[in-house]
Amino acid sequence: MSNYAMKTILSGDLIEVRTRAVEALKAQGFGILSEIDVQKTLKEKLGLEYEPYLILGACNPNLARQALDTDRDIGLLLPCNVVLRQLEGEVEVSILDPEAMFSLTEEATRRQLEPLAQEARVRLSRALQTLEEAP
C-alpha cells in the first residue's frame, strides 16, 4: 500500500459504491467538482480495455479557501482525488491523504497548512469509515 493513500475495499459494483461514496463525502462537507471515467477515456483515446475506474475530484469549499489563502499555488494540489476501481465483486476506494499531498509544499507553508491537512484527513477518514460501516 502506498504511503499517500487511504483505502478501503467494499462489496458491490462501481456505480452503487460511487453513489455511497458521494453521499459519505457530502456528509463531511465535500462536493464533487469533477469526474473522470478512466476506462471510457482509455477506450476512446487509445483503444485499450481497462477495468471500471473513476477519479472523483472532491472539494470542501471552506478547507480549499483556507488553503488558497495560505498559498495560491496550492490549487495545483486541489481538489482531493478519490479513486473508485472495480475489482472482482468489490470496489477499492482510495483517497489521497491530504497530509501527504501538502508535504510537497515549502516547509513554512507546510507548517501553516498542517492543521488544515489534519482536519481534511479526519473528514476524509470519516467518509471512508462511513462507507465501511454501511451494509
N, C-alpha and C. Protein backbone atom coordinates (compact mmCIF):
# COMPACT_ATOMS: atom_id res chain seq x y z
N MET A 1 0.85 -1.18 0.00
CA MET A 1 0.00 0.00 0.00
C MET A 1 0.89 1.24 0.00
N SER A 2 0.46 2.25 -0.72
CA SER A 2 1.22 3.48 -0.82
C SER A 2 1.14 4.27 0.49
N ASN A 3 2.09 5.17 0.66
CA ASN A 3 2.08 6.00 1.86
C ASN A 3 1.34 7.31 1.62
N TYR A 4 0.62 7.41 0.52
CA TYR A 4 -0.12 8.63 0.23
C TYR A 4 -1.61 8.38 0.02
N ALA A 5 -2.04 7.16 0.27
CA ALA A 5 -3.45 6.83 0.05
C ALA A 5 -4.10 6.27 1.31
N MET A 6 -5.36 6.60 1.46
CA MET A 6 -6.21 5.99 2.49
C MET A 6 -7.20 5.14 1.70
N LYS A 7 -7.36 3.85 2.08
CA LYS A 7 -8.14 2.93 1.24
C LYS A 7 -9.09 2.07 2.04
N THR A 8 -10.08 1.60 1.32
CA THR A 8 -10.95 0.54 1.81
C THR A 8 -11.44 -0.24 0.59
N ILE A 9 -11.89 -1.44 0.83
CA ILE A 9 -12.47 -2.26 -0.23
C ILE A 9 -13.88 -2.63 0.22
N LEU A 10 -14.83 -2.41 -0.69
CA LEU A 10 -16.24 -2.62 -0.39
C LEU A 10 -16.86 -3.62 -1.35
N SER A 11 -17.85 -4.35 -0.87
CA SER A 11 -18.62 -5.22 -1.76
C SER A 11 -19.51 -4.35 -2.64
N GLY A 12 -19.75 -4.82 -3.86
CA GLY A 12 -20.67 -4.10 -4.73
C GLY A 12 -20.06 -3.76 -6.06
N ASP A 13 -20.84 -3.00 -6.82
CA ASP A 13 -20.35 -2.56 -8.13
C ASP A 13 -20.01 -1.08 -8.07
N LEU A 14 -19.28 -0.64 -9.06
CA LEU A 14 -18.74 0.71 -9.08
C LEU A 14 -19.82 1.79 -8.98
N ILE A 15 -20.90 1.62 -9.71
CA ILE A 15 -21.96 2.65 -9.73
C ILE A 15 -22.60 2.79 -8.34
N GLU A 16 -22.89 1.66 -7.72
CA GLU A 16 -23.52 1.69 -6.40
C GLU A 16 -22.56 2.29 -5.37
N VAL A 17 -21.29 1.89 -5.40
CA VAL A 17 -20.31 2.41 -4.45
C VAL A 17 -20.06 3.90 -4.72
N ARG A 18 -20.09 4.32 -5.97
CA ARG A 18 -19.92 5.73 -6.30
C ARG A 18 -20.99 6.56 -5.59
N THR A 19 -22.24 6.12 -5.68
CA THR A 19 -23.34 6.83 -5.03
C THR A 19 -23.11 6.92 -3.53
N ARG A 20 -22.73 5.82 -2.92
CA ARG A 20 -22.47 5.81 -1.48
C ARG A 20 -21.29 6.71 -1.12
N ALA A 21 -20.24 6.67 -1.94
CA ALA A 21 -19.05 7.49 -1.66
C ALA A 21 -19.37 8.98 -1.74
N VAL A 22 -20.14 9.37 -2.76
CA VAL A 22 -20.51 10.77 -2.91
C VAL A 22 -21.31 11.23 -1.68
N GLU A 23 -22.21 10.41 -1.21
CA GLU A 23 -23.01 10.76 -0.02
C GLU A 23 -22.14 10.84 1.24
N ALA A 24 -21.20 9.91 1.39
CA ALA A 24 -20.31 9.93 2.56
C ALA A 24 -19.42 11.17 2.54
N LEU A 25 -18.93 11.53 1.37
CA LEU A 25 -18.12 12.75 1.24
C LEU A 25 -18.95 14.00 1.52
N LYS A 26 -20.18 13.99 1.00
CA LYS A 26 -21.07 15.14 1.21
C LYS A 26 -21.34 15.35 2.71
N ALA A 27 -21.50 14.27 3.45
CA ALA A 27 -21.75 14.36 4.89
C ALA A 27 -20.57 14.99 5.62
N GLN A 28 -19.38 14.96 5.00
CA GLN A 28 -18.18 15.56 5.58
C GLN A 28 -17.85 16.92 4.97
N GLY A 29 -18.79 17.46 4.17
CA GLY A 29 -18.62 18.80 3.62
C GLY A 29 -17.94 18.85 2.26
N PHE A 30 -17.77 17.71 1.60
CA PHE A 30 -17.11 17.66 0.30
C PHE A 30 -18.13 17.49 -0.81
N GLY A 31 -17.96 18.25 -1.86
CA GLY A 31 -18.74 18.08 -3.07
C GLY A 31 -17.83 17.53 -4.16
N ILE A 32 -18.43 17.05 -5.24
CA ILE A 32 -17.66 16.51 -6.36
C ILE A 32 -17.62 17.57 -7.46
N LEU A 33 -16.41 18.04 -7.76
CA LEU A 33 -16.22 19.07 -8.79
C LEU A 33 -15.98 18.47 -10.17
N SER A 34 -15.41 17.27 -10.19
CA SER A 34 -15.07 16.66 -11.47
C SER A 34 -15.16 15.15 -11.36
N GLU A 35 -15.33 14.52 -12.51
CA GLU A 35 -15.35 13.06 -12.56
C GLU A 35 -14.69 12.64 -13.87
N ILE A 36 -13.72 11.77 -13.76
CA ILE A 36 -13.02 11.25 -14.93
C ILE A 36 -13.27 9.75 -15.00
N ASP A 37 -13.86 9.30 -16.10
CA ASP A 37 -14.07 7.88 -16.35
C ASP A 37 -12.84 7.38 -17.11
N VAL A 38 -11.89 6.83 -16.38
CA VAL A 38 -10.62 6.41 -16.96
C VAL A 38 -10.84 5.27 -17.96
N GLN A 39 -11.71 4.33 -17.62
CA GLN A 39 -11.99 3.21 -18.52
C GLN A 39 -12.48 3.73 -19.88
N LYS A 40 -13.45 4.61 -19.86
CA LYS A 40 -14.01 5.17 -21.10
C LYS A 40 -12.97 5.97 -21.88
N THR A 41 -12.20 6.79 -21.18
CA THR A 41 -11.20 7.63 -21.83
C THR A 41 -10.13 6.78 -22.52
N LEU A 42 -9.63 5.76 -21.82
CA LEU A 42 -8.59 4.92 -22.41
C LEU A 42 -9.13 4.12 -23.60
N LYS A 43 -10.39 3.73 -23.53
CA LYS A 43 -11.01 3.02 -24.65
C LYS A 43 -11.14 3.94 -25.86
N GLU A 44 -11.67 5.15 -25.63
CA GLU A 44 -11.89 6.10 -26.74
C GLU A 44 -10.59 6.62 -27.33
N LYS A 45 -9.63 6.96 -26.49
CA LYS A 45 -8.40 7.61 -26.96
C LYS A 45 -7.32 6.64 -27.43
N LEU A 46 -7.26 5.47 -26.77
CA LEU A 46 -6.17 4.54 -27.06
C LEU A 46 -6.62 3.15 -27.50
N GLY A 47 -7.94 2.91 -27.46
CA GLY A 47 -8.46 1.60 -27.82
C GLY A 47 -8.12 0.52 -26.81
N LEU A 48 -7.83 0.89 -25.57
CA LEU A 48 -7.43 -0.06 -24.53
C LEU A 48 -8.62 -0.50 -23.69
N GLU A 49 -8.60 -1.76 -23.29
CA GLU A 49 -9.58 -2.28 -22.34
C GLU A 49 -9.02 -2.08 -20.93
N TYR A 50 -9.85 -1.61 -20.04
CA TYR A 50 -9.42 -1.29 -18.68
C TYR A 50 -10.57 -1.57 -17.75
N GLU A 51 -10.26 -1.92 -16.49
CA GLU A 51 -11.35 -2.15 -15.54
C GLU A 51 -12.07 -0.84 -15.26
N PRO A 52 -13.33 -0.90 -14.83
CA PRO A 52 -14.03 0.33 -14.44
C PRO A 52 -13.21 1.08 -13.37
N TYR A 53 -12.95 2.36 -13.65
CA TYR A 53 -12.04 3.15 -12.83
C TYR A 53 -12.46 4.61 -12.94
N LEU A 54 -12.90 5.18 -11.83
CA LEU A 54 -13.33 6.59 -11.80
C LEU A 54 -12.40 7.39 -10.89
N ILE A 55 -12.13 8.61 -11.30
CA ILE A 55 -11.43 9.57 -10.45
C ILE A 55 -12.40 10.71 -10.16
N LEU A 56 -12.73 10.89 -8.89
CA LEU A 56 -13.62 11.98 -8.47
C LEU A 56 -12.77 13.09 -7.86
N GLY A 57 -13.03 14.31 -8.26
CA GLY A 57 -12.36 15.47 -7.68
C GLY A 57 -13.24 16.03 -6.57
N ALA A 58 -12.90 15.73 -5.32
CA ALA A 58 -13.71 16.14 -4.17
C ALA A 58 -13.16 17.42 -3.56
N CYS A 59 -14.07 18.32 -3.18
CA CYS A 59 -13.65 19.60 -2.62
C CYS A 59 -14.55 20.00 -1.46
N ASN A 60 -13.91 20.41 -0.37
CA ASN A 60 -14.60 21.06 0.73
C ASN A 60 -14.30 22.54 0.56
N PRO A 61 -15.28 23.35 0.14
CA PRO A 61 -15.01 24.75 -0.19
C PRO A 61 -14.33 25.55 0.92
N ASN A 62 -14.73 25.33 2.16
CA ASN A 62 -14.14 26.08 3.27
C ASN A 62 -12.66 25.72 3.45
N LEU A 63 -12.36 24.42 3.41
CA LEU A 63 -10.97 24.00 3.56
C LEU A 63 -10.13 24.46 2.36
N ALA A 64 -10.71 24.40 1.17
CA ALA A 64 -9.99 24.84 -0.03
C ALA A 64 -9.67 26.34 0.05
N ARG A 65 -10.65 27.12 0.50
CA ARG A 65 -10.42 28.57 0.62
C ARG A 65 -9.30 28.86 1.61
N GLN A 66 -9.31 28.17 2.74
CA GLN A 66 -8.25 28.38 3.73
C GLN A 66 -6.88 28.01 3.16
N ALA A 67 -6.81 26.93 2.42
CA ALA A 67 -5.53 26.52 1.81
C ALA A 67 -5.08 27.54 0.78
N LEU A 68 -6.01 28.01 -0.05
CA LEU A 68 -5.67 29.01 -1.07
C LEU A 68 -5.27 30.34 -0.46
N ASP A 69 -5.87 30.69 0.67
CA ASP A 69 -5.49 31.93 1.36
C ASP A 69 -4.06 31.83 1.91
N THR A 70 -3.62 30.63 2.20
CA THR A 70 -2.26 30.41 2.69
C THR A 70 -1.25 30.43 1.55
N ASP A 71 -1.63 29.79 0.44
CA ASP A 71 -0.71 29.69 -0.70
C ASP A 71 -1.54 29.50 -1.97
N ARG A 72 -1.55 30.52 -2.82
CA ARG A 72 -2.35 30.45 -4.04
C ARG A 72 -1.93 29.29 -4.96
N ASP A 73 -0.66 28.89 -4.90
CA ASP A 73 -0.19 27.78 -5.73
C ASP A 73 -0.75 26.43 -5.27
N ILE A 74 -1.36 26.38 -4.09
CA ILE A 74 -1.90 25.12 -3.58
C ILE A 74 -3.00 24.58 -4.49
N GLY A 75 -3.55 25.43 -5.32
CA GLY A 75 -4.55 24.98 -6.29
C GLY A 75 -4.02 23.88 -7.20
N LEU A 76 -2.71 23.81 -7.36
CA LEU A 76 -2.11 22.74 -8.14
C LEU A 76 -2.31 21.37 -7.50
N LEU A 77 -2.57 21.36 -6.19
CA LEU A 77 -2.77 20.11 -5.46
C LEU A 77 -4.24 19.82 -5.17
N LEU A 78 -5.11 20.69 -5.62
CA LEU A 78 -6.54 20.52 -5.37
C LEU A 78 -7.25 20.09 -6.65
N PRO A 79 -8.40 19.48 -6.59
CA PRO A 79 -9.13 19.00 -5.42
C PRO A 79 -8.54 17.69 -4.89
N CYS A 80 -9.13 17.19 -3.82
CA CYS A 80 -8.72 15.89 -3.28
C CYS A 80 -9.22 14.81 -4.24
N ASN A 81 -8.33 13.95 -4.67
CA ASN A 81 -8.73 12.88 -5.59
C ASN A 81 -9.22 11.67 -4.84
N VAL A 82 -10.34 11.14 -5.31
CA VAL A 82 -10.93 9.91 -4.80
C VAL A 82 -11.01 8.97 -5.98
N VAL A 83 -10.41 7.78 -5.85
CA VAL A 83 -10.41 6.80 -6.94
C VAL A 83 -11.29 5.63 -6.56
N LEU A 84 -12.16 5.26 -7.48
CA LEU A 84 -13.00 4.07 -7.35
C LEU A 84 -12.58 3.10 -8.44
N ARG A 85 -12.17 1.89 -8.04
CA ARG A 85 -11.68 0.91 -9.01
C ARG A 85 -12.38 -0.41 -8.79
N GLN A 86 -13.02 -0.90 -9.86
CA GLN A 86 -13.75 -2.16 -9.78
C GLN A 86 -12.78 -3.32 -9.73
N LEU A 87 -12.95 -4.16 -8.73
CA LEU A 87 -12.24 -5.43 -8.63
C LEU A 87 -13.29 -6.52 -8.87
N GLU A 88 -12.98 -7.77 -8.69
CA GLU A 88 -13.97 -8.83 -8.87
C GLU A 88 -14.98 -8.79 -7.73
N GLY A 89 -16.19 -8.28 -8.00
CA GLY A 89 -17.24 -8.23 -7.00
C GLY A 89 -17.04 -7.21 -5.89
N GLU A 90 -15.98 -6.44 -5.99
CA GLU A 90 -15.67 -5.44 -4.98
C GLU A 90 -15.20 -4.15 -5.65
N VAL A 91 -15.19 -3.09 -4.85
CA VAL A 91 -14.69 -1.81 -5.34
C VAL A 91 -13.67 -1.29 -4.33
N GLU A 92 -12.50 -0.94 -4.83
CA GLU A 92 -11.49 -0.31 -4.00
C GLU A 92 -11.73 1.20 -4.03
N VAL A 93 -11.82 1.81 -2.87
CA VAL A 93 -11.99 3.25 -2.74
C VAL A 93 -10.71 3.79 -2.13
N SER A 94 -10.03 4.67 -2.86
CA SER A 94 -8.78 5.26 -2.39
C SER A 94 -8.92 6.77 -2.38
N ILE A 95 -8.39 7.39 -1.34
CA ILE A 95 -8.42 8.85 -1.23
C ILE A 95 -7.00 9.32 -0.96
N LEU A 96 -6.59 10.33 -1.70
CA LEU A 96 -5.27 10.92 -1.48
C LEU A 96 -5.22 11.53 -0.08
N ASP A 97 -4.23 11.15 0.69
CA ASP A 97 -4.05 11.66 2.05
C ASP A 97 -3.63 13.13 1.98
N PRO A 98 -4.44 14.05 2.51
CA PRO A 98 -4.09 15.48 2.44
C PRO A 98 -2.76 15.81 3.11
N GLU A 99 -2.41 15.09 4.16
CA GLU A 99 -1.13 15.36 4.81
C GLU A 99 0.03 15.02 3.87
N ALA A 100 -0.08 13.94 3.14
CA ALA A 100 0.94 13.58 2.16
C ALA A 100 0.95 14.59 1.02
N MET A 101 -0.24 14.99 0.58
CA MET A 101 -0.36 15.95 -0.51
C MET A 101 0.32 17.28 -0.15
N PHE A 102 0.03 17.79 1.03
CA PHE A 102 0.60 19.08 1.44
C PHE A 102 2.08 18.98 1.81
N SER A 103 2.59 17.76 1.96
CA SER A 103 4.01 17.61 2.26
C SER A 103 4.89 18.07 1.10
N LEU A 104 4.29 18.28 -0.06
CA LEU A 104 5.03 18.78 -1.23
C LEU A 104 5.33 20.27 -1.14
N THR A 105 4.67 20.97 -0.24
CA THR A 105 4.84 22.42 -0.14
C THR A 105 6.12 22.76 0.63
N GLU A 106 6.51 24.03 0.53
CA GLU A 106 7.68 24.51 1.28
C GLU A 106 7.42 24.37 2.78
N GLU A 107 8.48 24.26 3.54
CA GLU A 107 8.36 23.99 4.97
C GLU A 107 7.48 25.00 5.71
N ALA A 108 7.66 26.29 5.45
CA ALA A 108 6.86 27.31 6.14
C ALA A 108 5.38 27.16 5.79
N THR A 109 5.09 26.91 4.54
CA THR A 109 3.71 26.71 4.11
C THR A 109 3.15 25.44 4.74
N ARG A 110 3.94 24.39 4.75
CA ARG A 110 3.51 23.11 5.33
C ARG A 110 3.12 23.29 6.80
N ARG A 111 3.91 24.06 7.54
CA ARG A 111 3.60 24.31 8.95
C ARG A 111 2.25 25.04 9.08
N GLN A 112 2.02 26.02 8.21
CA GLN A 112 0.76 26.76 8.25
C GLN A 112 -0.42 25.86 7.87
N LEU A 113 -0.20 24.96 6.94
CA LEU A 113 -1.28 24.10 6.43
C LEU A 113 -1.51 22.85 7.28
N GLU A 114 -0.60 22.57 8.20
CA GLU A 114 -0.69 21.32 8.97
C GLU A 114 -2.05 21.12 9.64
N PRO A 115 -2.58 22.10 10.37
CA PRO A 115 -3.90 21.88 11.00
C PRO A 115 -5.01 21.65 9.96
N LEU A 116 -4.92 22.34 8.87
CA LEU A 116 -5.90 22.20 7.79
C LEU A 116 -5.81 20.80 7.18
N ALA A 117 -4.60 20.34 6.92
CA ALA A 117 -4.39 19.00 6.36
C ALA A 117 -4.91 17.93 7.32
N GLN A 118 -4.68 18.15 8.60
CA GLN A 118 -5.17 17.19 9.60
C GLN A 118 -6.69 17.15 9.61
N GLU A 119 -7.31 18.33 9.56
CA GLU A 119 -8.79 18.37 9.53
C GLU A 119 -9.33 17.68 8.29
N ALA A 120 -8.74 17.95 7.14
CA ALA A 120 -9.18 17.31 5.90
C ALA A 120 -9.01 15.80 6.01
N ARG A 121 -7.90 15.36 6.56
CA ARG A 121 -7.64 13.92 6.71
C ARG A 121 -8.69 13.27 7.60
N VAL A 122 -9.02 13.93 8.71
CA VAL A 122 -10.05 13.40 9.62
C VAL A 122 -11.38 13.28 8.90
N ARG A 123 -11.77 14.31 8.18
CA ARG A 123 -13.05 14.29 7.47
C ARG A 123 -13.09 13.20 6.39
N LEU A 124 -12.01 13.08 5.64
CA LEU A 124 -11.95 12.05 4.59
C LEU A 124 -11.90 10.65 5.19
N SER A 125 -11.21 10.50 6.32
CA SER A 125 -11.18 9.21 7.01
C SER A 125 -12.57 8.84 7.51
N ARG A 126 -13.32 9.83 7.99
CA ARG A 126 -14.70 9.58 8.43
C ARG A 126 -15.57 9.12 7.26
N ALA A 127 -15.36 9.72 6.11
CA ALA A 127 -16.12 9.29 4.92
C ALA A 127 -15.82 7.83 4.61
N LEU A 128 -14.55 7.45 4.66
CA LEU A 128 -14.20 6.04 4.43
C LEU A 128 -14.81 5.13 5.50
N GLN A 129 -14.78 5.58 6.72
CA GLN A 129 -15.36 4.79 7.81
C GLN A 129 -16.86 4.60 7.61
N THR A 130 -17.54 5.67 7.17
CA THR A 130 -18.97 5.57 6.89
C THR A 130 -19.23 4.53 5.82
N LEU A 131 -18.40 4.51 4.79
CA LEU A 131 -18.55 3.51 3.73
C LEU A 131 -18.35 2.10 4.26
N GLU A 132 -17.38 1.91 5.13
CA GLU A 132 -17.08 0.58 5.69
C GLU A 132 -18.21 0.10 6.59
N GLU A 133 -18.87 1.03 7.27
CA GLU A 133 -19.92 0.66 8.23
C GLU A 133 -21.26 0.43 7.58
N ALA A 134 -21.46 0.93 6.38
CA ALA A 134 -22.75 0.78 5.69
C ALA A 134 -22.96 -0.67 5.28
N PRO A 135 -24.21 -1.12 5.36
CA PRO A 135 -24.50 -2.52 4.97
C PRO A 135 -24.31 -2.77 3.49
